[in-house]
Every structure is written in C-alpha cells, then in structure tokens.
Amino acid sequence: MTADPVRSADAPVTVIVPCYNEEAGLPALLSRLAMMRTNGTQSWKFLFVDDGSSDGTFAALLRAANDEPWIEVVRHHENLGLGAAVRTGFAHARSPIVCTIDSDCTYPPEMLPELTALAEQGAEIVTASAWHPESAAAEGSKLRLQLSRMVSGIYKLLIGQDVYTFTCLFRAYRSDAIQRIRFRSNGFAAVAEIMLRAMLSGFTVKEVPMRLESRQFGESKLKVGDAIVAHMRLLIMTALMVGARQARSMGTRLLG
C-alpha cells in the first residue's frame, strides 16, 4: 500500500513514523495518536513507513489504515535503515510542515504541536532536545545515552552553534527545507547528518527541551558498533566541510 500524494497535500502537517518490528508497541502509539486528533490535529496525516519488518507490524498498520483515513502506509520490502525510511517518508509527504517521530514514544507525540508552531513561525527545523540544559534527565540504555550525548557534544563543537542535540528523530521541518537537504546515510546517523548539513547551509534551527523516556515495548534497533562507525564517518565529513567553509571565508577576506 502506498501513500497518495494528493491526500497528503490536503493536510497542513504530515507526520512520518518509521517502523521496524514494532508490533508490540503499535497499539499504544496508535491510541495516543488517536487521542491527539481530538485536540486540534484532526486534519493531520500520519504516514507510517514500514522498513521491512519481519513481525506483524505491516499487517497491523494495514488494518489501522483501513479503519482510519488519517493513516497512510508505505513499505520497504527489506530492512534498509532509519535514514532510508525517513528519505522515503520525505518523498511521499506533500504538506507544508513535515514531522518525524519515533514509533516507540520515547518522546511524547503529544508535544508535536509545540514543534509545528515554531516551524509555522519560520524555523526551518525544530527538534526535541534531550541534551538541552533545560531538559529533565533522560532515561534508557546508559550506553546509548552516552553515545548520543557524546556525539552531539562533538558536533556542537565542530559547528560552533548553540544546538545541543543532533541525534533526535523527533522533529518538525518546513517542506521547502526538506527539498534542499540531501543526506546519504541510511542508518541512525542520518538524523545527525540532516541536522549538520542544514546548519552548515545556514538553516534556522530551534530546540525544544524535552525529556527522553525509556522504551516501554520491544527492543531498540540501534547497533552501537555500527552507530559508532557511522558517526565517525560523519564527524570526518563534518570536519572537512567546516574546514572548507573556513578556508573559503579566509580566502574571501584576503581577496577583499
């Protein structure tokens, strides 16, 4: 089943929900999203991207889409990774505001209207931020939290701007910004790559302090070893891009 671009275009906001083997947690997520729709988001569309699930995720999503017109489903026939799922979602979304959220509710979906309001006011990317100084203490796997906080801190130093969290999927984007972002990563590092490329291109980014909560259903799909390798590559790419930008800036000053 594929999303209908005309239907998506009618919605002011499309929310992309990548899913991979999330059968156990879908009932809770769908219940929370249904409740949201009673509170000012009735015209939103929710686009689920099943990333080659091997459990009953896709079947459950099809049943939900048959029952609820606000749900759309697209599918990868094999597991391609989080970044690939986000790329597919971006390709199908036609709304002026496009959001991406975690299927495990580690960030509360009820907070999405706060992010979309900032995007409507002009911010090109609005992200939840677990590592913002005003955020409450995060919950979850210590190793995963340490990795996220460490790489976000390094990216912050490289970029030299006051953005604290680069690894969070829970975001709102203006559609014109999405069209100008080209990212290569297919895995979890894609989330950071999108932010880095956007900031290096001068996009306006806003952060909303938000607590990262523990996953209640299923298991995290993040493979720490693969994530470390991917972030190392991304760090090198970022350092080269920052260095090239600084060299161009210095050359312009010298010529001037």
C-alpha atoms as a PDB file:
ATOM      1  CA  MET A   1       0.000   0.000   0.000  1.00  0.00           C
ATOM      2  CA  THR A   2       1.444   3.389  -0.905  1.00  0.00           C
ATOM      3  CA  ALA A   3       0.655   6.888   0.248  1.00  0.00           C
ATOM      4  CA  ASP A   4      -1.437   9.089  -2.032  1.00  0.00           C
ATOM      5  CA  PRO A   5       0.385  12.435  -2.608  1.00  0.00           C
ATOM      6  CA  VAL A   6      -2.904  14.226  -3.284  1.00  0.00           C
ATOM      7  CA  ARG A   7      -4.283  13.168   0.079  1.00  0.00           C
ATOM      8  CA  SER A   8      -1.065  14.209   1.832  1.00  0.00           C
ATOM      9  CA  ALA A   9      -1.152  17.570   0.092  1.00  0.00           C
ATOM     10  CA  ASP A  10      -4.511  18.317   1.699  1.00  0.00           C
ATOM     11  CA  ALA A  11      -3.032  18.037   5.192  1.00  0.00           C
ATOM     12  CA  PRO A  12      -1.268  21.009   6.836  1.00  0.00           C
ATOM     13  CA  VAL A  13       1.045  18.575   8.643  1.00  0.00           C
ATOM     14  CA  THR A  14       2.275  15.111   7.692  1.00  0.00           C
ATOM     15  CA  VAL A  15       3.902  13.064  10.452  1.00  0.00           C
ATOM     16  CA  ILE A  16       6.328  10.365   9.289  1.00  0.00           C
ATOM     17  CA  VAL A  17       6.623   7.345  11.597  1.00  0.00           C
ATOM     18  CA  PRO A  18       9.400   4.893  10.633  1.00  0.00           C
ATOM     19  CA  CYS A  19       8.684   1.387  11.958  1.00  0.00           C
ATOM     20  CA  TYR A  20      10.768  -1.762  12.115  1.00  0.00           C
ATOM     21  CA  ASN A  21       9.407  -4.737  14.090  1.00  0.00           C
ATOM     22  CA  GLU A  22       7.247  -2.554  16.333  1.00  0.00           C
ATOM     23  CA  GLU A  23       4.172  -4.793  16.500  1.00  0.00           C
ATOM     24  CA  ALA A  24       4.130  -4.851  20.314  1.00  0.00           C
ATOM     25  CA  GLY A  25       4.147  -1.082  20.690  1.00  0.00           C
ATOM     26  CA  LEU A  26       1.800  -0.094  17.865  1.00  0.00           C
ATOM     27  CA  PRO A  27      -1.467  -0.293  19.850  1.00  0.00           C
ATOM     28  CA  ALA A  28      -0.167   2.177  22.446  1.00  0.00           C
ATOM     29  CA  LEU A  29       1.211   4.519  19.776  1.00  0.00           C
ATOM     30  CA  LEU A  30      -1.956   4.449  17.667  1.00  0.00           C
ATOM     31  CA  SER A  31      -4.080   5.071  20.752  1.00  0.00           C
ATOM     32  CA  ARG A  32      -2.036   8.144  21.663  1.00  0.00           C
ATOM     33  CA  LEU A  33      -2.155   9.480  18.115  1.00  0.00           C
ATOM     34  CA  ALA A  34      -5.933   8.987  18.008  1.00  0.00           C
ATOM     35  CA  MET A  35      -6.257  10.939  21.252  1.00  0.00           C
ATOM     36  CA  MET A  36      -4.135  13.736  19.768  1.00  0.00           C
ATOM     37  CA  ARG A  37      -6.645  14.085  16.964  1.00  0.00           C
ATOM     38  CA  THR A  38      -9.287  15.207  19.419  1.00  0.00           C
ATOM     39  CA  ASN A  39      -7.102  18.173  20.352  1.00  0.00           C
ATOM     40  CA  GLY A  40      -6.630  20.333  17.258  1.00  0.00           C
ATOM     41  CA  THR A  41      -4.775  17.998  14.921  1.00  0.00           C
ATOM     42  CA  GLN A  42      -7.777  16.453  13.170  1.00  0.00           C
ATOM     43  CA  SER A  43      -6.527  17.421   9.710  1.00  0.00           C
ATOM     44  CA  TRP A  44      -3.024  15.965  10.141  1.00  0.00           C
ATOM     45  CA  LYS A  45      -1.889  12.867   8.247  1.00  0.00           C
ATOM     46  CA  PHE A  46       0.289  10.148   9.769  1.00  0.00           C
ATOM     47  CA  LEU A  47       2.490   8.343   7.258  1.00  0.00           C
ATOM     48  CA  PHE A  48       3.925   5.069   8.577  1.00  0.00           C
ATOM     49  CA  VAL A  49       6.980   3.702   6.784  1.00  0.00           C
ATOM     50  CA  ASP A  50       7.386   0.002   7.469  1.00  0.00           C
ATOM     51  CA  ASP A  51      11.095  -0.670   6.985  1.00  0.00           C
ATOM     52  CA  GLY A  52      10.936  -4.345   6.056  1.00  0.00           C
ATOM     53  CA  SER A  53       9.510  -5.627   9.344  1.00  0.00           C
ATOM     54  CA  SER A  54       9.619  -9.401   9.843  1.00  0.00           C
ATOM     55  CA  ASP A  55       6.900  -9.483  12.521  1.00  0.00           C
ATOM     56  CA  GLY A  56       3.254  -8.392  12.288  1.00  0.00           C
ATOM     57  CA  THR A  57       3.975  -4.654  12.060  1.00  0.00           C
ATOM     58  CA  PHE A  58       2.968  -4.215   8.418  1.00  0.00           C
ATOM     59  CA  ALA A  59      -0.244  -6.222   8.800  1.00  0.00           C
ATOM     60  CA  ALA A  60      -1.187  -4.184  11.876  1.00  0.00           C
ATOM     61  CA  LEU A  61      -0.529  -0.950  10.001  1.00  0.00           C
ATOM     62  CA  LEU A  62      -2.671  -2.069   7.072  1.00  0.00           C
ATOM     63  CA  ARG A  63      -5.559  -2.842   9.437  1.00  0.00           C
ATOM     64  CA  ALA A  64      -5.190   0.571  11.064  1.00  0.00           C
ATOM     65  CA  ALA A  65      -5.069   2.330   7.668  1.00  0.00           C
ATOM     66  CA  ASN A  66      -8.231   0.516   6.555  1.00  0.00           C
ATOM     67  CA  ASP A  67     -10.026   1.745   9.679  1.00  0.00           C
ATOM     68  CA  GLU A  68      -8.666   5.303   9.881  1.00  0.00           C
ATOM     69  CA  PRO A  69      -8.423   7.719   6.911  1.00  0.00           C
ATOM     70  CA  TRP A  70      -5.721   9.756   8.666  1.00  0.00           C
ATOM     71  CA  ILE A  71      -3.268   6.839   8.483  1.00  0.00           C
ATOM     72  CA  GLU A  72      -1.233   6.087   5.356  1.00  0.00           C
ATOM     73  CA  VAL A  73       1.305   3.283   4.935  1.00  0.00           C
ATOM     74  CA  VAL A  74       4.293   2.702   2.684  1.00  0.00           C
ATOM     75  CA  ARG A  75       6.613  -0.272   2.861  1.00  0.00           C
ATOM     76  CA  HIS A  76      10.196  -1.307   2.186  1.00  0.00           C
ATOM     77  CA  HIS A  77      10.301  -4.971   1.227  1.00  0.00           C
ATOM     78  CA  GLU A  78      13.576  -5.305   3.107  1.00  0.00           C
ATOM     79  CA  ASN A  79      15.134  -3.524   6.055  1.00  0.00           C
ATOM     80  CA  LEU A  80      17.047  -0.547   4.654  1.00  0.00           C
ATOM     81  CA  GLY A  81      17.629   1.500   7.807  1.00  0.00           C
ATOM     82  CA  LEU A  82      16.185   4.502   9.602  1.00  0.00           C
ATOM     83  CA  GLY A  83      17.680   7.058   7.211  1.00  0.00           C
ATOM     84  CA  ALA A  84      16.235   5.241   4.213  1.00  0.00           C
ATOM     85  CA  ALA A  85      12.811   5.163   5.896  1.00  0.00           C
ATOM     86  CA  VAL A  86      12.964   8.910   6.559  1.00  0.00           C
ATOM     87  CA  ARG A  87      14.010   9.535   2.943  1.00  0.00           C
ATOM     88  CA  THR A  88      11.023   7.523   1.723  1.00  0.00           C
ATOM     89  CA  GLY A  89       8.732   9.454   4.045  1.00  0.00           C
ATOM     90  CA  PHE A  90      10.061  12.786   2.787  1.00  0.00           C
ATOM     91  CA  ALA A  91       9.498  11.662  -0.812  1.00  0.00           C
ATOM     92  CA  HIS A  92       5.814  10.912  -0.118  1.00  0.00           C
ATOM     93  CA  ALA A  93       4.943  13.876   2.123  1.00  0.00           C
ATOM     94  CA  ARG A  94       3.427  16.944   0.447  1.00  0.00           C
ATOM     95  CA  SER A  95       2.363  19.025   3.443  1.00  0.00           C
ATOM     96  CA  PRO A  96       3.938  22.427   4.203  1.00  0.00           C
ATOM     97  CA  ILE A  97       5.085  21.059   7.590  1.00  0.00           C
ATOM     98  CA  VAL A  98       6.561  17.559   7.845  1.00  0.00           C
ATOM     99  CA  CYS A  99       7.403  15.869  11.140  1.00  0.00           C
ATOM    100  CA  THR A 100       9.350  12.735  12.010  1.00  0.00           C
ATOM    101  CA  ILE A 101       8.743  10.854  15.252  1.00  0.00           C
ATOM    102  CA  ASP A 102       9.898   7.696  16.994  1.00  0.00           C
ATOM    103  CA  SER A 103       7.499   4.765  16.927  1.00  0.00           C
ATOM    104  CA  ASP A 104       8.443   3.800  20.500  1.00  0.00           C
ATOM    105  CA  CYS A 105       7.081   7.004  22.133  1.00  0.00           C
ATOM    106  CA  THR A 106      10.404   7.761  23.831  1.00  0.00           C
ATOM    107  CA  TYR A 107       9.441  11.351  23.099  1.00  0.00           C
ATOM    108  CA  PRO A 108       5.757  12.156  23.702  1.00  0.00           C
ATOM    109  CA  PRO A 109       3.884  12.595  20.408  1.00  0.00           C
ATOM    110  CA  GLU A 110       1.539  14.982  22.211  1.00  0.00           C
ATOM    111  CA  MET A 111       4.367  17.559  22.080  1.00  0.00           C
ATOM    112  CA  LEU A 112       4.304  17.741  18.276  1.00  0.00           C
ATOM    113  CA  PRO A 113       2.015  20.811  18.107  1.00  0.00           C
ATOM    114  CA  GLU A 114       4.635  22.808  20.026  1.00  0.00           C
ATOM    115  CA  LEU A 115       7.248  21.931  17.408  1.00  0.00           C
ATOM    116  CA  THR A 116       4.963  22.599  14.439  1.00  0.00           C
ATOM    117  CA  ALA A 117       4.015  26.011  15.844  1.00  0.00           C
ATOM    118  CA  LEU A 118       7.684  27.063  15.800  1.00  0.00           C
ATOM    119  CA  ALA A 119       8.036  25.788  12.230  1.00  0.00           C
ATOM    120  CA  GLU A 120       4.952  27.753  11.197  1.00  0.00           C
ATOM    121  CA  GLN A 121       6.591  30.834  12.734  1.00  0.00           C
ATOM    122  CA  GLY A 122       9.605  30.462  10.438  1.00  0.00           C
ATOM    123  CA  ALA A 123      12.074  27.948  11.899  1.00  0.00           C
ATOM    124  CA  GLU A 124      13.193  25.575   9.167  1.00  0.00           C
ATOM    125  CA  ILE A 125      13.930  22.731  11.581  1.00  0.00           C
ATOM    126  CA  VAL A 126      12.571  22.306  15.103  1.00  0.00           C
ATOM    127  CA  THR A 127      13.943  19.456  17.185  1.00  0.00           C
ATOM    128  CA  ALA A 128      13.255  17.964  20.562  1.00  0.00           C
ATOM    129  CA  SER A 129      16.401  18.250  22.663  1.00  0.00           C
ATOM    130  CA  ALA A 130      17.236  15.797  25.412  1.00  0.00           C
ATOM    131  CA  TRP A 131      20.644  17.402  25.994  1.00  0.00           C
ATOM    132  CA  HIS A 132      19.450  20.989  26.277  1.00  0.00           C
ATOM    133  CA  PRO A 133      20.335  22.422  29.731  1.00  0.00           C
ATOM    134  CA  GLU A 134      16.630  22.877  30.476  1.00  0.00           C
ATOM    135  CA  SER A 135      15.693  19.260  29.722  1.00  0.00           C
ATOM    136  CA  ALA A 136      14.936  16.801  32.502  1.00  0.00           C
ATOM    137  CA  ALA A 137      17.235  13.822  32.983  1.00  0.00           C
ATOM    138  CA  ALA A 138      16.973  11.259  30.192  1.00  0.00           C
ATOM    139  CA  GLU A 139      16.017   7.623  30.715  1.00  0.00           C
ATOM    140  CA  GLY A 140      17.056   4.497  28.828  1.00  0.00           C
ATOM    141  CA  SER A 141      20.138   2.480  27.994  1.00  0.00           C
ATOM    142  CA  LYS A 142      23.191   4.131  29.538  1.00  0.00           C
ATOM    143  CA  LEU A 143      25.435   3.167  26.630  1.00  0.00           C
ATOM    144  CA  ARG A 144      23.020   4.546  24.058  1.00  0.00           C
ATOM    145  CA  LEU A 145      22.515   7.761  26.049  1.00  0.00           C
ATOM    146  CA  GLN A 146      26.255   8.242  26.472  1.00  0.00           C
ATOM    147  CA  LEU A 147      26.844   7.746  22.744  1.00  0.00           C
ATOM    148  CA  SER A 148      24.110  10.221  21.814  1.00  0.00           C
ATOM    149  CA  ARG A 149      25.301  12.848  24.259  1.00  0.00           C
ATOM    150  CA  MET A 150      28.962  12.430  23.300  1.00  0.00           C
ATOM    151  CA  VAL A 151      28.493  12.715  19.541  1.00  0.00           C
ATOM    152  CA  SER A 152      26.049  15.603  19.932  1.00  0.00           C
ATOM    153  CA  GLY A 153      28.652  17.416  22.038  1.00  0.00           C
ATOM    154  CA  ILE A 154      31.344  16.869  19.402  1.00  0.00           C
ATOM    155  CA  TYR A 155      29.052  18.037  16.600  1.00  0.00           C
ATOM    156  CA  LYS A 156      28.217  21.130  18.635  1.00  0.00           C
ATOM    157  CA  LEU A 157      31.912  21.951  18.979  1.00  0.00           C
ATOM    158  CA  LEU A 158      32.545  21.429  15.260  1.00  0.00           C
ATOM    159  CA  ILE A 159      29.581  23.515  14.138  1.00  0.00           C
ATOM    160  CA  GLY A 160      30.150  26.223  16.741  1.00  0.00           C
ATOM    161  CA  GLN A 161      26.463  26.959  17.325  1.00  0.00           C
ATOM    162  CA  ASP A 162      24.238  26.614  20.377  1.00  0.00           C
ATOM    163  CA  VAL A 163      22.381  23.477  19.339  1.00  0.00           C
ATOM    164  CA  TYR A 164      22.721  20.689  21.889  1.00  0.00           C
ATOM    165  CA  THR A 165      21.064  17.626  20.327  1.00  0.00           C
ATOM    166  CA  PHE A 166      21.850  16.278  16.852  1.00  0.00           C
ATOM    167  CA  THR A 167      20.684  12.660  17.162  1.00  0.00           C
ATOM    168  CA  CYS A 168      16.968  13.132  17.833  1.00  0.00           C
ATOM    169  CA  LEU A 169      14.420  11.947  15.246  1.00  0.00           C
ATOM    170  CA  PHE A 170      11.543  13.848  16.906  1.00  0.00           C
ATOM    171  CA  ARG A 171      11.450  16.945  14.680  1.00  0.00           C
ATOM    172  CA  ALA A 172       9.332  19.294  12.580  1.00  0.00           C
ATOM    173  CA  TYR A 173      10.554  20.565   9.208  1.00  0.00           C
ATOM    174  CA  ARG A 174       9.350  23.137   6.740  1.00  0.00           C
ATOM    175  CA  SER A 175       8.845  21.341   3.430  1.00  0.00           C
ATOM    176  CA  ASP A 176      10.977  23.827   1.491  1.00  0.00           C
ATOM    177  CA  ALA A 177      13.878  22.987   3.815  1.00  0.00           C
ATOM    178  CA  ILE A 178      13.457  19.252   3.200  1.00  0.00           C
ATOM    179  CA  GLN A 179      13.706  19.818  -0.536  1.00  0.00           C
ATOM    180  CA  ARG A 180      17.114  21.464  -0.075  1.00  0.00           C
ATOM    181  CA  ILE A 181      18.633  18.810   2.215  1.00  0.00           C
ATOM    182  CA  ARG A 182      20.459  15.899   0.603  1.00  0.00           C
ATOM    183  CA  PHE A 183      21.683  13.269   3.047  1.00  0.00           C
ATOM    184  CA  ARG A 184      23.423   9.988   2.275  1.00  0.00           C
ATOM    185  CA  SER A 185      23.256   7.921   5.452  1.00  0.00           C
ATOM    186  CA  ASN A 186      20.731   5.099   5.546  1.00  0.00           C
ATOM    187  CA  GLY A 187      21.119   4.204   9.228  1.00  0.00           C
ATOM    188  CA  PHE A 188      20.620   6.032  12.520  1.00  0.00           C
ATOM    189  CA  ALA A 189      23.380   8.540  11.722  1.00  0.00           C
ATOM    190  CA  ALA A 190      21.131  10.057   9.047  1.00  0.00           C
ATOM    191  CA  VAL A 191      19.317  12.015  11.744  1.00  0.00           C
ATOM    192  CA  ALA A 192      22.532  13.796  12.713  1.00  0.00           C
ATOM    193  CA  GLU A 193      23.582  14.217   9.081  1.00  0.00           C
ATOM    194  CA  ILE A 194      20.351  16.038   8.244  1.00  0.00           C
ATOM    195  CA  MET A 195      20.917  18.490  11.083  1.00  0.00           C
ATOM    196  CA  LEU A 196      24.592  19.025  10.276  1.00  0.00           C
ATOM    197  CA  ARG A 197      24.011  19.661   6.587  1.00  0.00           C
ATOM    198  CA  ALA A 198      21.128  22.005   7.392  1.00  0.00           C
ATOM    199  CA  MET A 199      23.149  24.045   9.877  1.00  0.00           C
ATOM    200  CA  LEU A 200      26.167  24.257   7.578  1.00  0.00           C
ATOM    201  CA  SER A 201      23.793  25.598   4.917  1.00  0.00           C
ATOM    202  CA  GLY A 202      22.559  28.318   7.271  1.00  0.00           C
ATOM    203  CA  PHE A 203      19.137  26.890   8.102  1.00  0.00           C
ATOM    204  CA  THR A 204      17.279  28.233  11.125  1.00  0.00           C
ATOM    205  CA  VAL A 205      17.119  25.576  13.864  1.00  0.00           C
ATOM    206  CA  LYS A 206      15.086  25.771  17.067  1.00  0.00           C
ATOM    207  CA  GLU A 207      15.295  23.366  20.004  1.00  0.00           C
ATOM    208  CA  VAL A 208      12.518  22.407  22.403  1.00  0.00           C
ATOM    209  CA  PRO A 209      13.872  20.987  25.684  1.00  0.00           C
ATOM    210  CA  MET A 210      12.268  17.581  26.131  1.00  0.00           C
ATOM    211  CA  ARG A 211      12.847  14.559  28.314  1.00  0.00           C
ATOM    212  CA  LEU A 212      13.888  11.336  26.618  1.00  0.00           C
ATOM    213  CA  GLU A 213      11.908   8.473  28.181  1.00  0.00           C
ATOM    214  CA  SER A 214      12.516   4.740  28.376  1.00  0.00           C
ATOM    215  CA  ARG A 215      11.179   2.458  25.675  1.00  0.00           C
ATOM    216  CA  GLN A 216       8.156   0.542  27.006  1.00  0.00           C
ATOM    217  CA  PHE A 217       7.718  -2.037  24.234  1.00  0.00           C
ATOM    218  CA  GLY A 218      10.117  -4.093  22.171  1.00  0.00           C
ATOM    219  CA  GLU A 219      13.848  -3.517  21.829  1.00  0.00           C
ATOM    220  CA  SER A 220      15.977  -0.746  20.407  1.00  0.00           C
ATOM    221  CA  LYS A 221      17.168  -1.443  16.853  1.00  0.00           C
ATOM    222  CA  LEU A 222      20.326   0.626  17.316  1.00  0.00           C
ATOM    223  CA  LYS A 223      23.518  -1.404  16.931  1.00  0.00           C
ATOM    224  CA  VAL A 224      26.072   0.557  18.927  1.00  0.00           C
ATOM    225  CA  GLY A 225      29.108  -0.658  16.977  1.00  0.00           C
ATOM    226  CA  ASP A 226      27.572   0.264  13.628  1.00  0.00           C
ATOM    227  CA  ALA A 227      26.449   3.611  15.032  1.00  0.00           C
ATOM    228  CA  ILE A 228      29.954   4.465  16.250  1.00  0.00           C
ATOM    229  CA  VAL A 229      31.447   3.712  12.824  1.00  0.00           C
ATOM    230  CA  ALA A 230      28.740   5.760  11.077  1.00  0.00           C
ATOM    231  CA  HIS A 231      29.217   8.727  13.395  1.00  0.00           C
ATOM    232  CA  MET A 232      32.999   8.583  12.952  1.00  0.00           C
ATOM    233  CA  ARG A 233      32.492   8.902   9.196  1.00  0.00           C
ATOM    234  CA  LEU A 234      30.031  11.719   9.733  1.00  0.00           C
ATOM    235  CA  LEU A 235      32.437  13.518  12.067  1.00  0.00           C
ATOM    236  CA  ILE A 236      35.167  13.361   9.424  1.00  0.00           C
ATOM    237  CA  MET A 237      32.760  14.634   6.768  1.00  0.00           C
ATOM    238  CA  THR A 238      31.663  17.489   9.040  1.00  0.00           C
ATOM    239  CA  ALA A 239      35.238  18.455   9.901  1.00  0.00           C
ATOM    240  CA  LEU A 240      36.113  18.577   6.196  1.00  0.00           C
ATOM    241  CA  MET A 241      33.033  20.662   5.384  1.00  0.00           C
ATOM    242  CA  VAL A 242      33.722  23.092   8.244  1.00  0.00           C
ATOM    243  CA  GLY A 243      37.376  23.323   7.217  1.00  0.00           C
ATOM    244  CA  ALA A 244      36.447  24.028   3.595  1.00  0.00           C
ATOM    245  CA  ARG A 245      33.984  26.703   4.662  1.00  0.00           C
ATOM    246  CA  GLN A 246      36.590  28.369   6.877  1.00  0.00           C
ATOM    247  CA  ALA A 247      39.136  28.261   4.042  1.00  0.00           C
ATOM    248  CA  ARG A 248      36.666  29.911   1.654  1.00  0.00           C
ATOM    249  CA  SER A 249      35.880  32.553   4.238  1.00  0.00           C
ATOM    250  CA  MET A 250      39.571  33.278   4.800  1.00  0.00           C
ATOM    251  CA  GLY A 251      40.200  33.443   1.053  1.00  0.00           C
ATOM    252  CA  THR A 252      37.354  35.912   0.620  1.00  0.00           C
ATOM    253  CA  ARG A 253      38.769  38.141   3.362  1.00  0.00           C
ATOM    254  CA  LEU A 254      42.250  38.053   1.841  1.00  0.00           C
ATOM    255  CA  LEU A 255      40.929  38.902  -1.603  1.00  0.00           C
ATOM    256  CA  GLY A 256      38.807  41.672  -0.149  1.00  0.00           C
END
